[in-house]
N, C-alpha and C. Protein backbone atom coordinates (compact mmCIF):
# COMPACT_ATOMS: atom_id res chain seq x y z
N MET A 1 23.14 -28.29 21.42
CA MET A 1 24.17 -28.94 21.09
C MET A 1 24.81 -29.63 22.60
N ILE A 2 24.79 -28.78 23.61
CA ILE A 2 25.17 -29.25 24.83
C ILE A 2 24.26 -30.37 25.40
N LYS A 3 22.96 -30.21 25.03
CA LYS A 3 22.16 -31.20 25.56
C LYS A 3 22.42 -32.62 24.68
N LYS A 4 22.97 -32.71 23.63
CA LYS A 4 23.22 -33.73 22.88
C LYS A 4 24.31 -34.57 23.46
N PHE A 5 25.37 -33.91 24.07
CA PHE A 5 26.55 -34.52 24.64
C PHE A 5 26.61 -34.43 26.23
N LEU A 6 25.47 -34.70 26.76
CA LEU A 6 25.20 -34.66 28.16
C LEU A 6 26.26 -35.57 28.93
N ASN A 7 26.67 -36.64 28.27
CA ASN A 7 27.46 -37.59 28.97
C ASN A 7 29.02 -37.42 28.69
N SER A 8 29.33 -36.33 28.14
CA SER A 8 30.72 -35.82 27.89
C SER A 8 30.96 -34.48 28.69
N LYS A 9 32.37 -34.30 28.70
CA LYS A 9 32.75 -33.05 29.13
C LYS A 9 32.50 -31.99 27.90
N ILE A 10 32.06 -30.84 28.42
CA ILE A 10 31.81 -29.79 27.28
C ILE A 10 33.01 -28.75 27.35
N VAL A 11 33.58 -28.35 26.29
CA VAL A 11 34.56 -27.30 26.10
C VAL A 11 34.06 -26.38 25.14
N ILE A 12 33.91 -25.17 25.47
CA ILE A 12 33.51 -24.18 24.46
C ILE A 12 34.67 -23.08 24.44
N SER A 13 35.24 -23.04 23.12
CA SER A 13 36.21 -21.94 23.02
C SER A 13 35.36 -20.68 22.59
N TYR A 14 35.67 -19.54 23.16
CA TYR A 14 34.87 -18.40 22.88
C TYR A 14 35.60 -17.10 22.94
N ARG A 15 35.12 -15.94 22.60
CA ARG A 15 35.80 -14.65 22.73
C ARG A 15 35.04 -14.01 23.85
N ASN A 16 35.89 -13.16 24.57
CA ASN A 16 35.18 -12.50 25.83
C ASN A 16 34.20 -11.36 25.48
N ASP A 17 34.39 -10.96 24.16
CA ASP A 17 33.38 -10.01 23.64
C ASP A 17 32.34 -10.30 22.82
N GLY A 18 31.99 -11.80 22.84
CA GLY A 18 30.98 -12.34 22.00
C GLY A 18 29.58 -12.08 22.69
N ILE A 19 28.58 -12.33 21.75
CA ILE A 19 27.16 -12.33 22.17
C ILE A 19 26.52 -13.73 21.99
N PRO A 20 26.04 -14.50 22.99
CA PRO A 20 25.77 -14.13 24.35
C PRO A 20 27.16 -13.83 25.19
N SER A 21 26.95 -13.27 26.33
CA SER A 21 28.04 -12.99 27.16
C SER A 21 28.66 -14.39 27.66
N VAL A 22 29.92 -14.29 28.28
CA VAL A 22 30.56 -15.52 28.77
C VAL A 22 29.67 -15.82 29.96
N GLN A 23 29.08 -14.96 30.69
CA GLN A 23 28.40 -15.30 31.85
C GLN A 23 26.99 -16.11 31.41
N GLU A 24 26.37 -15.57 30.37
CA GLU A 24 25.22 -16.39 29.94
C GLU A 24 25.57 -17.66 29.28
N LEU A 25 26.77 -17.79 28.82
CA LEU A 25 27.08 -19.33 28.21
C LEU A 25 27.31 -20.16 29.43
N CYS A 26 27.97 -19.54 30.49
CA CYS A 26 28.17 -20.35 31.64
C CYS A 26 27.01 -20.78 32.40
N ASP A 27 25.95 -19.97 32.29
CA ASP A 27 24.66 -20.17 32.97
C ASP A 27 23.96 -21.39 32.15
N ILE A 28 24.11 -21.39 30.84
CA ILE A 28 23.60 -22.33 30.10
C ILE A 28 24.27 -23.67 30.36
N VAL A 29 25.61 -23.65 30.24
CA VAL A 29 26.25 -24.98 30.66
C VAL A 29 26.00 -25.61 32.05
N ASN A 30 25.76 -24.62 32.94
CA ASN A 30 25.54 -24.97 34.31
C ASN A 30 23.93 -25.57 34.42
N ASN A 31 23.24 -25.28 33.44
CA ASN A 31 21.91 -26.02 33.57
C ASN A 31 22.13 -27.58 33.22
N TYR A 32 23.21 -27.94 32.52
CA TYR A 32 23.35 -29.39 32.24
C TYR A 32 24.54 -30.00 32.88
N LYS A 33 25.37 -29.24 33.45
CA LYS A 33 26.64 -29.94 33.93
C LYS A 33 26.70 -29.44 35.44
N ASN A 34 27.18 -30.15 36.48
CA ASN A 34 27.31 -29.63 37.85
C ASN A 34 28.43 -28.72 38.11
N LYS A 35 29.37 -28.70 37.29
CA LYS A 35 30.46 -27.74 37.48
C LYS A 35 30.93 -27.03 36.20
N VAL A 36 31.21 -25.74 36.27
CA VAL A 36 31.72 -24.97 35.09
C VAL A 36 32.95 -24.36 35.58
N SER A 37 33.97 -24.44 34.83
CA SER A 37 35.13 -23.62 34.84
C SER A 37 35.42 -22.62 33.79
N VAL A 38 35.99 -21.56 34.10
CA VAL A 38 36.30 -20.52 32.78
C VAL A 38 37.78 -20.22 32.97
N ILE A 39 38.43 -20.33 31.83
CA ILE A 39 39.77 -19.96 31.87
C ILE A 39 40.04 -18.91 30.65
N TYR A 40 40.65 -17.76 31.07
CA TYR A 40 40.78 -16.71 30.04
C TYR A 40 42.36 -16.80 29.58
N SER A 41 42.46 -16.51 28.36
CA SER A 41 43.99 -16.23 27.82
C SER A 41 44.42 -14.83 28.02
N ARG A 42 45.61 -14.78 27.64
CA ARG A 42 46.20 -13.47 27.58
C ARG A 42 45.53 -12.59 26.78
N ASP A 43 45.62 -11.26 26.61
CA ASP A 43 44.99 -10.50 25.42
C ASP A 43 45.88 -10.76 24.20
N TYR A 44 45.17 -10.69 23.06
CA TYR A 44 45.86 -10.92 21.87
C TYR A 44 44.98 -10.28 20.82
N LYS A 45 45.45 -9.94 19.50
CA LYS A 45 44.57 -9.39 18.53
C LYS A 45 44.21 -10.24 17.52
N TYR A 46 42.91 -10.33 17.09
CA TYR A 46 42.48 -11.14 15.82
C TYR A 46 43.13 -10.34 14.65
N ALA A 47 43.30 -10.98 13.53
CA ALA A 47 43.66 -10.49 12.31
C ALA A 47 42.90 -9.36 11.80
N LEU A 48 41.44 -9.61 11.92
CA LEU A 48 40.69 -8.68 11.36
C LEU A 48 39.84 -7.81 12.34
N SER A 49 40.55 -7.59 13.50
CA SER A 49 39.88 -6.81 14.56
C SER A 49 40.75 -5.83 15.06
N ASN A 50 40.29 -4.65 15.51
CA ASN A 50 41.08 -3.65 15.96
C ASN A 50 41.23 -3.59 17.46
N SER A 51 40.43 -4.31 18.14
CA SER A 51 40.38 -4.39 19.66
C SER A 51 41.09 -5.56 20.25
N ASP A 52 41.62 -5.48 21.49
CA ASP A 52 42.26 -6.60 22.16
C ASP A 52 41.20 -7.50 22.89
N VAL A 53 41.23 -8.56 22.72
CA VAL A 53 40.25 -9.57 23.20
C VAL A 53 40.83 -10.65 23.94
N LYS A 54 40.13 -11.43 24.76
CA LYS A 54 40.63 -12.70 25.29
C LYS A 54 39.92 -13.88 25.00
N GLU A 55 40.68 -15.01 24.57
CA GLU A 55 40.06 -16.11 24.31
C GLU A 55 39.52 -16.88 25.59
N VAL A 56 38.38 -17.41 25.64
CA VAL A 56 37.80 -17.99 26.84
C VAL A 56 37.60 -19.30 26.63
N LEU A 57 37.93 -20.23 27.53
CA LEU A 57 37.49 -21.58 27.57
C LEU A 57 36.43 -21.85 28.66
N ILE A 58 35.26 -22.32 28.18
CA ILE A 58 34.23 -22.61 29.21
C ILE A 58 34.11 -24.19 29.25
N ILE A 59 34.29 -24.79 30.43
CA ILE A 59 34.61 -26.23 30.62
C ILE A 59 33.40 -26.58 31.53
N GLY A 60 32.53 -27.44 31.06
CA GLY A 60 31.43 -27.98 31.88
C GLY A 60 31.82 -29.47 32.00
N TYR A 61 31.62 -30.02 33.26
CA TYR A 61 31.85 -31.43 33.58
C TYR A 61 31.07 -31.73 34.90
């Protein structure tokens, strides 16, 4: 998917407890984009989850 949109900014909305890890996704995006930024949200609870997680935006440009 990232390769398909090489000429665009890439924004991935993700959970910090996901698989692959946030770092692994950043490494993948970094293979295609020169710069990668990561923005973490505050803690919040998903409706069907018992744990606090952070929403993460991974931005490649």
